[in-house]
Amino acid sequence: MWKCVDRIKPSLLPSLLDPLLAHGFHPPSLKKALGIVHDKPDKPLYDSPSSYRVIVLLRTLSKILERVVASRLSAQGAICSLIHPLQCGSLPGSSTADAALVLQHNVESFHCLRYKVSIFFLDVKGGFDNLESPSRPSLLHREGVSPYLVQWVGSFLSECTYCLTFQGSPRLFGPVSPGVPQGSPISPLLFVIYVSSLHLEIPTSLFVSNVDDFAVTVASPAYITNVRLLQKSFSPLKRKASPINISFSVPKTELIHWRTTRSNEPPCYLPVQLKDQLLYPQSRLKWSGFIFTLAFDPRPHFSRRYTLANAALATIRRVSPPGWAFHPPFVSPWRARSLLRFSCMGPLSGTLPCLSWARCPFSGIGTVGGSPTVFSPPT
């Protein structure tokens, strides 16, 4: 609806939003929203609130204003050094693919020096919910962000009223202190700014993050040394995170000891001990949407994407009316097939371009839904 309003009268939205930004004010009527309770997948039990996720359904006008503020705040964040260079995701010009590429580049750079490389992947425990609302505006103020943006962020995060919606729930609104609401366009950016101080400058470690997922990389001539370095790097990270009310979920932490494709040594299975808990290395794991193996073999990731693409095409065929195949009446069959092929398989040609594309003998990727597909290797 607001797109139609903007086309008919382009001056209406600026006249509504400009005064709010000028005074740094977010109206209470736009902070009244529904919170949809979703159960997190693959949980053994659902008898704890941590097994559920609340997605906030904000008003459309509020999301438009938040997106405008996010655009301005990200521009000032780059100028004021609010965002660490190794933070990826939810930022303009930076995505999860960039985080994966940085990770692989670091590992292969260490391998060129004939070092052994190990990484553990940390997950922030309840990240969006545990951030303290009063500290974010003060952090922005200290770093030199424009006063009207600081005031607006403080107004946006205060006096919120939500109603949790699930089966059999009453429609009762109440004041909450949500931290950063999930579902808001500006929430990931505020979170990234808030946790930028966790990128510690430790000589033996390298920190890469994708929103609330952190990867700690260490390298040395021996894996046993890497284990000690990983355990040593976790302590200062934990101390730095404690004052800002951030903690890491040790059960969700994953460990991997990388190796090269030409290595003749057996895989390393040395565990890392964190908080009296042993973490054993894995031969394959998923981080930021990408599947990694010990030697960066791209075939598992491509196979997964290929399977999902064919499953999507099969679903479209089943629900399409007879005679139309899997294209709508207003799109030609050739155009519909091209759009579907691009949307389902296009990410494969752009994700992880440095994952040794030439040595990926995956002949099955050439056909999707029975139609030949031609891909050019990324440059």
Protein backbone atom coordinates (compact mmCIF):
# COMPACT_ATOMS: atom_id res chain seq x y z
CA MET A 1 0.00 0.00 0.00
CA TRP A 2 2.75 2.45 0.92
CA LYS A 3 4.42 1.86 -2.45
CA CYS A 4 1.23 2.95 -4.17
CA VAL A 5 0.98 5.98 -1.87
CA ASP A 6 4.56 6.93 -2.70
CA ARG A 7 3.89 6.69 -6.43
CA ILE A 8 0.75 8.79 -6.20
CA LYS A 9 2.11 11.43 -3.81
CA PRO A 10 5.90 11.18 -3.31
CA SER A 11 5.98 14.05 -0.81
CA LEU A 12 3.70 12.34 1.73
CA LEU A 13 6.17 9.93 3.33
CA PRO A 14 8.97 12.51 3.72
CA SER A 15 6.51 14.92 5.31
CA LEU A 16 5.56 12.23 7.84
CA LEU A 17 9.04 10.90 8.63
CA ASP A 18 11.23 14.03 8.49
CA PRO A 19 9.77 15.60 11.69
CA LEU A 20 10.24 12.32 13.57
CA LEU A 21 13.91 12.12 12.56
CA ALA A 22 14.53 15.80 13.22
CA HIS A 23 13.29 15.46 16.81
CA GLY A 24 14.68 11.94 17.36
CA PHE A 25 11.28 10.54 18.24
CA HIS A 26 9.62 7.20 17.51
CA PRO A 27 5.85 7.37 18.21
CA PRO A 28 4.41 4.94 20.78
CA SER A 29 1.74 3.92 18.27
CA LEU A 30 4.49 2.47 16.04
CA LYS A 31 6.03 0.55 18.96
CA LYS A 32 2.89 -1.48 19.62
CA ALA A 33 3.33 -4.80 17.85
CA LEU A 34 2.51 -8.48 17.87
CA GLY A 35 5.13 -11.05 18.85
CA ILE A 36 4.68 -14.36 17.04
CA VAL A 37 6.09 -17.27 19.05
CA HIS A 38 7.87 -19.84 16.88
CA ASP A 39 9.47 -23.02 18.13
CA LYS A 40 13.13 -23.41 17.21
CA PRO A 41 13.77 -26.43 14.98
CA ASP A 42 15.62 -29.55 16.07
CA LYS A 43 15.11 -29.03 19.79
CA PRO A 44 14.89 -32.24 21.87
CA LEU A 45 12.38 -30.68 24.30
CA TYR A 46 10.09 -27.66 24.19
CA ASP A 47 9.55 -27.21 27.91
CA SER A 48 11.78 -24.12 28.21
CA PRO A 49 11.32 -20.55 26.91
CA SER A 50 14.77 -20.80 25.27
CA SER A 51 13.28 -23.38 22.86
CA TYR A 52 11.14 -20.67 21.24
CA ARG A 53 11.83 -17.55 19.21
CA VAL A 54 9.68 -14.42 19.18
CA ILE A 55 9.37 -12.66 15.82
CA VAL A 56 8.01 -9.13 16.18
CA LEU A 57 5.52 -7.97 13.55
CA LEU A 58 6.04 -4.23 13.38
CA ARG A 59 3.91 -1.76 11.54
CA THR A 60 4.86 -1.07 7.93
CA LEU A 61 5.38 2.65 8.50
CA SER A 62 7.68 1.85 11.41
CA LYS A 63 9.74 -0.47 9.20
CA ILE A 64 10.09 2.24 6.56
CA LEU A 65 11.40 4.66 9.19
CA GLU A 66 13.73 2.02 10.64
CA ARG A 67 15.17 1.27 7.22
CA VAL A 68 15.90 4.96 6.66
CA VAL A 69 17.65 5.17 10.04
CA ALA A 70 19.57 1.94 9.33
CA SER A 71 20.87 3.39 6.07
CA ARG A 72 22.07 6.59 7.75
CA LEU A 73 23.47 4.81 10.79
CA SER A 74 25.47 2.32 8.70
CA ALA A 75 27.01 5.22 6.74
CA GLN A 76 28.00 7.01 9.95
CA GLY A 77 29.14 3.73 11.48
CA ALA A 78 31.73 3.34 8.75
CA ILE A 79 32.99 6.90 9.34
CA CYS A 80 33.06 6.63 13.14
CA SER A 81 34.59 3.12 13.12
CA LEU A 82 31.59 1.66 14.89
CA ILE A 83 31.82 -1.52 12.81
CA HIS A 84 34.86 -3.77 12.83
CA PRO A 85 36.29 -4.64 9.37
CA LEU A 86 35.89 -8.36 10.07
CA GLN A 87 32.18 -8.07 10.86
CA CYS A 88 29.99 -9.37 8.05
CA GLY A 89 26.28 -9.74 7.45
CA SER A 90 23.43 -7.22 7.76
CA LEU A 91 25.70 -4.49 6.41
CA PRO A 92 25.71 -2.77 3.01
CA GLY A 93 28.13 -4.54 0.71
CA SER A 94 28.75 -7.33 3.20
CA SER A 95 26.97 -10.67 3.34
CA THR A 96 27.31 -14.16 4.76
CA ALA A 97 29.27 -15.13 1.64
CA ASP A 98 31.85 -12.49 2.55
CA ALA A 99 32.23 -14.02 6.01
CA ALA A 100 32.78 -17.44 4.48
CA LEU A 101 35.28 -16.07 1.96
CA VAL A 102 37.26 -14.26 4.67
CA LEU A 103 37.29 -17.43 6.72
CA GLN A 104 38.60 -19.57 3.88
CA HIS A 105 41.14 -16.96 2.81
CA ASN A 106 42.62 -16.88 6.31
CA VAL A 107 42.80 -20.67 6.53
CA GLU A 108 44.45 -21.08 3.13
CA SER A 109 46.89 -18.25 3.87
CA PHE A 110 48.05 -20.09 6.98
CA HIS A 111 48.26 -23.34 5.02
CA CYS A 112 50.62 -21.64 2.57
CA LEU A 113 52.91 -21.02 5.52
CA ARG A 114 52.67 -24.75 6.37
CA TYR A 115 50.80 -24.04 9.60
CA LYS A 116 48.10 -26.17 11.18
CA VAL A 117 44.83 -24.23 11.44
CA SER A 118 41.97 -24.73 13.90
CA ILE A 119 38.75 -22.80 14.43
CA PHE A 120 35.92 -22.89 16.88
CA PHE A 121 32.59 -21.31 16.07
CA LEU A 122 30.83 -19.51 18.91
CA ASP A 123 27.14 -18.65 19.07
CA VAL A 124 25.93 -15.71 21.16
CA LYS A 125 23.40 -16.96 23.69
CA GLY A 126 20.10 -15.09 23.28
CA GLY A 127 22.00 -12.29 21.57
CA PHE A 128 19.19 -9.99 20.44
CA ASP A 129 17.28 -10.34 23.71
CA ASN A 130 20.08 -9.73 26.19
CA LEU A 131 21.38 -6.38 25.03
CA GLU A 132 20.87 -3.56 27.49
CA SER A 133 18.73 -0.79 25.98
CA PRO A 134 20.18 2.22 27.86
CA SER A 135 23.77 1.42 26.88
CA ARG A 136 23.27 1.53 23.11
CA PRO A 137 22.43 5.24 22.77
CA SER A 138 25.31 6.13 25.09
CA LEU A 139 27.68 4.03 22.96
CA LEU A 140 26.55 5.85 19.81
CA HIS A 141 26.95 9.21 21.55
CA ARG A 142 30.51 8.43 22.66
CA GLU A 143 31.51 7.46 19.13
CA GLY A 144 30.28 10.74 17.62
CA VAL A 145 27.05 9.67 15.91
CA SER A 146 24.65 12.48 15.02
CA PRO A 147 22.52 13.51 18.03
CA TYR A 148 19.21 13.03 16.23
CA LEU A 149 20.09 9.40 15.45
CA VAL A 150 21.15 8.80 19.05
CA GLN A 151 17.87 10.24 20.33
CA TRP A 152 15.84 8.23 17.83
CA VAL A 153 17.53 4.94 18.81
CA GLY A 154 16.83 5.66 22.48
CA SER A 155 13.20 6.43 21.69
CA PHE A 156 12.85 3.34 19.49
CA LEU A 157 14.10 0.99 22.21
CA SER A 158 12.05 2.45 25.08
CA GLU A 159 8.41 2.00 26.10
CA CYS A 160 7.69 -0.85 23.71
CA THR A 161 4.37 -2.67 24.00
CA TYR A 162 4.03 -6.20 22.67
CA CYS A 163 1.45 -8.95 22.64
CA LEU A 164 2.69 -12.53 22.44
CA THR A 165 0.63 -14.56 20.01
CA PHE A 166 0.39 -18.35 20.09
CA GLN A 167 -2.35 -20.94 20.09
CA GLY A 168 -4.88 -20.05 22.78
CA SER A 169 -3.14 -16.86 23.87
CA PRO A 170 -5.17 -13.82 24.99
CA ARG A 171 -4.77 -10.51 23.13
CA LEU A 172 -3.18 -8.64 25.99
CA PHE A 173 -0.56 -5.95 25.35
CA GLY A 174 2.04 -5.19 27.98
CA PRO A 175 5.25 -3.16 28.33
CA VAL A 176 8.45 -5.08 27.72
CA SER A 177 12.15 -4.40 27.56
CA PRO A 178 12.97 -6.44 24.47
CA GLY A 179 16.63 -5.65 23.95
CA VAL A 180 16.66 -5.59 20.15
CA PRO A 181 13.41 -6.81 18.55
CA GLN A 182 13.88 -9.58 16.00
CA GLY A 183 12.11 -8.72 12.77
CA SER A 184 13.14 -5.08 12.74
CA PRO A 185 15.25 -3.80 9.81
CA ILE A 186 17.60 -1.92 12.16
CA SER A 187 18.03 -4.65 14.80
CA PRO A 188 20.92 -6.55 13.14
CA LEU A 189 22.85 -3.29 12.62
CA LEU A 190 22.41 -2.25 16.26
CA PHE A 191 23.55 -5.68 17.38
CA VAL A 192 26.63 -5.59 15.14
CA ILE A 193 27.60 -2.17 16.52
CA TYR A 194 27.04 -3.34 20.08
CA VAL A 195 29.29 -6.40 19.80
CA SER A 196 32.03 -4.82 17.68
CA SER A 197 34.26 -4.57 20.77
CA LEU A 198 34.42 -8.37 20.94
CA HIS A 199 36.85 -8.44 18.01
CA LEU A 200 39.90 -8.60 20.22
CA GLU A 201 43.41 -7.95 18.96
CA ILE A 202 45.11 -11.15 20.10
CA PRO A 203 48.36 -11.97 18.27
CA THR A 204 47.66 -15.70 18.08
CA SER A 205 43.97 -15.42 17.13
CA LEU A 206 41.79 -13.94 14.42
CA PHE A 207 38.10 -13.12 14.99
CA VAL A 208 35.53 -13.13 12.16
CA SER A 209 31.83 -12.65 12.85
CA ASN A 210 28.57 -12.85 10.97
CA VAL A 211 26.03 -10.95 13.12
CA ASP A 212 25.83 -13.22 16.22
CA ASP A 213 28.10 -16.02 14.97
CA PHE A 214 31.79 -15.71 15.84
CA ALA A 215 34.68 -17.70 14.38
CA VAL A 216 38.00 -17.75 16.25
CA THR A 217 40.94 -18.86 14.08
CA VAL A 218 44.34 -19.92 15.41
CA ALA A 219 47.39 -21.28 13.58
CA SER A 220 50.65 -22.85 14.70
CA PRO A 221 53.02 -25.64 13.63
CA ALA A 222 51.07 -28.26 15.64
CA TYR A 223 47.42 -29.01 16.41
CA ILE A 224 48.13 -29.48 20.12
CA THR A 225 49.36 -25.90 20.22
CA ASN A 226 46.16 -24.78 18.49
CA VAL A 227 44.10 -26.42 21.20
CA ARG A 228 45.93 -24.48 23.88
CA LEU A 229 45.61 -21.23 21.90
CA LEU A 230 41.86 -21.69 21.44
CA GLN A 231 41.35 -22.31 25.14
CA LYS A 232 43.52 -19.31 25.95
CA SER A 233 41.66 -16.98 23.55
CA PHE A 234 38.24 -17.85 24.99
CA SER A 235 39.03 -16.38 28.41
CA PRO A 236 39.63 -12.74 27.31
CA LEU A 237 36.65 -12.97 24.96
CA LYS A 238 34.43 -14.08 27.82
CA ARG A 239 35.73 -11.29 30.08
CA LYS A 240 35.11 -8.69 27.37
CA ALA A 241 31.58 -9.94 26.75
CA SER A 242 30.48 -10.07 30.38
CA PRO A 243 30.21 -6.27 31.01
CA ILE A 244 27.90 -5.84 28.00
CA ASN A 245 25.63 -8.71 29.08
CA ILE A 246 26.78 -11.07 26.32
CA SER A 247 27.44 -14.76 26.84
CA PHE A 248 28.29 -17.65 24.55
CA SER A 249 26.50 -20.95 24.32
CA VAL A 250 29.18 -23.57 24.89
CA PRO A 251 26.95 -26.55 23.88
CA LYS A 252 26.46 -24.90 20.48
CA THR A 253 30.17 -24.26 19.99
CA GLU A 254 31.66 -26.26 17.11
CA LEU A 255 35.31 -27.11 16.50
CA ILE A 256 37.16 -28.08 13.34
CA HIS A 257 40.82 -28.77 12.59
CA TRP A 258 41.43 -27.84 8.96
CA ARG A 259 43.69 -29.77 6.62
CA THR A 260 44.78 -29.54 2.98
CA THR A 261 43.69 -31.87 0.19
CA ARG A 262 47.28 -33.07 -0.26
CA SER A 263 47.86 -33.84 3.40
CA ASN A 264 48.81 -37.45 4.10
CA GLU A 265 48.40 -37.10 7.85
CA PRO A 266 45.31 -38.57 9.53
CA PRO A 267 42.65 -36.09 10.69
CA CYS A 268 43.17 -34.54 14.10
CA TYR A 269 40.59 -35.34 16.79
CA LEU A 270 42.02 -33.39 19.72
CA PRO A 271 39.20 -31.78 21.76
CA VAL A 272 39.04 -28.30 23.27
CA GLN A 273 37.88 -27.78 26.85
CA LEU A 274 35.62 -24.80 27.53
CA LYS A 275 33.86 -24.33 30.87
CA ASP A 276 34.65 -27.91 31.94
CA GLN A 277 33.10 -29.24 28.75
CA LEU A 278 35.00 -31.10 26.04
CA LEU A 279 34.30 -30.08 22.45
CA TYR A 280 35.33 -32.68 19.90
CA PRO A 281 36.19 -31.65 16.33
CA GLN A 282 33.83 -32.33 13.48
CA SER A 283 34.55 -33.46 9.94
CA ARG A 284 31.77 -31.31 8.49
CA LEU A 285 29.77 -28.39 9.86
CA LYS A 286 27.44 -25.61 8.76
CA TRP A 287 28.23 -21.97 9.47
CA SER A 288 26.39 -18.93 8.12
CA GLY A 289 24.45 -21.09 5.69
CA PHE A 290 27.51 -22.78 4.15
CA ILE A 291 28.66 -26.35 4.63
CA PHE A 292 32.38 -26.68 5.36
CA THR A 293 34.52 -29.80 5.28
CA LEU A 294 38.04 -30.40 6.56
CA ALA A 295 39.64 -29.55 3.18
CA PHE A 296 37.02 -27.08 1.87
CA ASP A 297 35.40 -29.60 -0.46
CA PRO A 298 32.54 -27.68 -2.14
CA ARG A 299 30.56 -30.75 -3.19
CA PRO A 300 28.49 -31.18 0.01
CA HIS A 301 27.36 -27.55 -0.13
CA PHE A 302 26.55 -27.70 -3.84
CA SER A 303 24.75 -31.04 -3.43
CA ARG A 304 22.58 -29.57 -0.69
CA ARG A 305 21.66 -26.52 -2.75
CA TYR A 306 21.00 -28.70 -5.80
CA THR A 307 18.66 -30.96 -3.82
CA LEU A 308 16.73 -27.97 -2.44
CA ALA A 309 16.40 -26.46 -5.91
CA ASN A 310 14.95 -29.66 -7.37
CA ALA A 311 12.60 -29.99 -4.40
CA ALA A 312 11.32 -26.45 -5.02
CA LEU A 313 10.75 -27.20 -8.70
CA ALA A 314 8.92 -30.42 -7.83
CA THR A 315 6.63 -28.51 -5.45
CA ILE A 316 5.86 -25.92 -8.14
CA ARG A 317 4.94 -28.67 -10.59
CA ARG A 318 2.56 -30.28 -8.11
CA VAL A 319 0.66 -27.09 -7.31
CA SER A 320 0.57 -25.70 -10.86
CA PRO A 321 -2.69 -25.99 -12.84
CA PRO A 322 -2.81 -28.62 -15.61
CA GLY A 323 -1.55 -27.39 -18.94
CA TRP A 324 0.57 -24.58 -17.50
CA ALA A 325 3.50 -26.76 -16.44
CA PHE A 326 5.18 -24.71 -13.71
CA HIS A 327 4.86 -21.19 -15.13
CA PRO A 328 2.08 -18.64 -14.53
CA PRO A 329 -0.21 -17.59 -17.40
CA PHE A 330 1.35 -14.14 -17.78
CA VAL A 331 4.94 -15.44 -18.21
CA SER A 332 6.22 -17.41 -21.17
CA PRO A 333 7.45 -20.96 -20.50
CA TRP A 334 11.03 -20.09 -21.48
CA ARG A 335 11.02 -16.99 -19.25
CA ALA A 336 9.48 -18.84 -16.30
CA ARG A 337 12.05 -21.63 -16.58
CA SER A 338 14.88 -19.13 -16.73
CA LEU A 339 13.61 -17.23 -13.68
CA LEU A 340 13.19 -20.39 -11.66
CA ARG A 341 16.61 -21.69 -12.66
CA PHE A 342 18.24 -18.39 -11.76
CA SER A 343 16.46 -18.04 -8.41
CA CYS A 344 17.13 -21.63 -7.35
CA MET A 345 20.61 -22.22 -8.76
CA GLY A 346 21.98 -18.71 -9.23
CA PRO A 347 23.36 -18.53 -5.68
CA LEU A 348 25.51 -21.57 -6.44
CA SER A 349 27.49 -19.66 -9.05
CA GLY A 350 28.10 -16.74 -6.73
CA THR A 351 28.64 -18.32 -3.33
CA LEU A 352 32.09 -19.28 -2.23
CA PRO A 353 33.73 -18.53 -5.60
CA CYS A 354 37.18 -19.32 -4.24
CA LEU A 355 36.21 -22.82 -3.14
CA SER A 356 38.34 -24.29 -5.92
CA TRP A 357 35.57 -24.25 -8.51
CA ALA A 358 37.73 -25.95 -11.11
CA ARG A 359 38.32 -29.02 -8.94
CA CYS A 360 34.63 -29.60 -8.21
CA PRO A 361 33.71 -32.64 -10.35
CA PHE A 362 29.98 -32.25 -9.88
CA SER A 363 28.46 -33.14 -13.24
CA GLY A 364 24.91 -33.36 -11.89
CA ILE A 365 24.79 -29.64 -11.32
CA GLY A 366 24.33 -29.07 -15.03
CA THR A 367 20.61 -29.92 -15.04
CA VAL A 368 17.81 -28.49 -12.98
CA GLY A 369 14.30 -29.75 -13.37
CA GLY A 370 15.26 -31.64 -16.52
CA SER A 371 16.59 -28.57 -18.34
CA PRO A 372 20.26 -27.98 -19.09
CA THR A 373 21.89 -25.19 -17.12
CA VAL A 374 25.11 -23.46 -18.13
CA PHE A 375 27.23 -21.76 -15.47
CA SER A 376 30.34 -19.70 -15.96
CA PRO A 377 33.02 -19.95 -13.25
CA PRO A 378 33.13 -16.78 -11.14
CA THR A 379 35.98 -14.40 -11.81
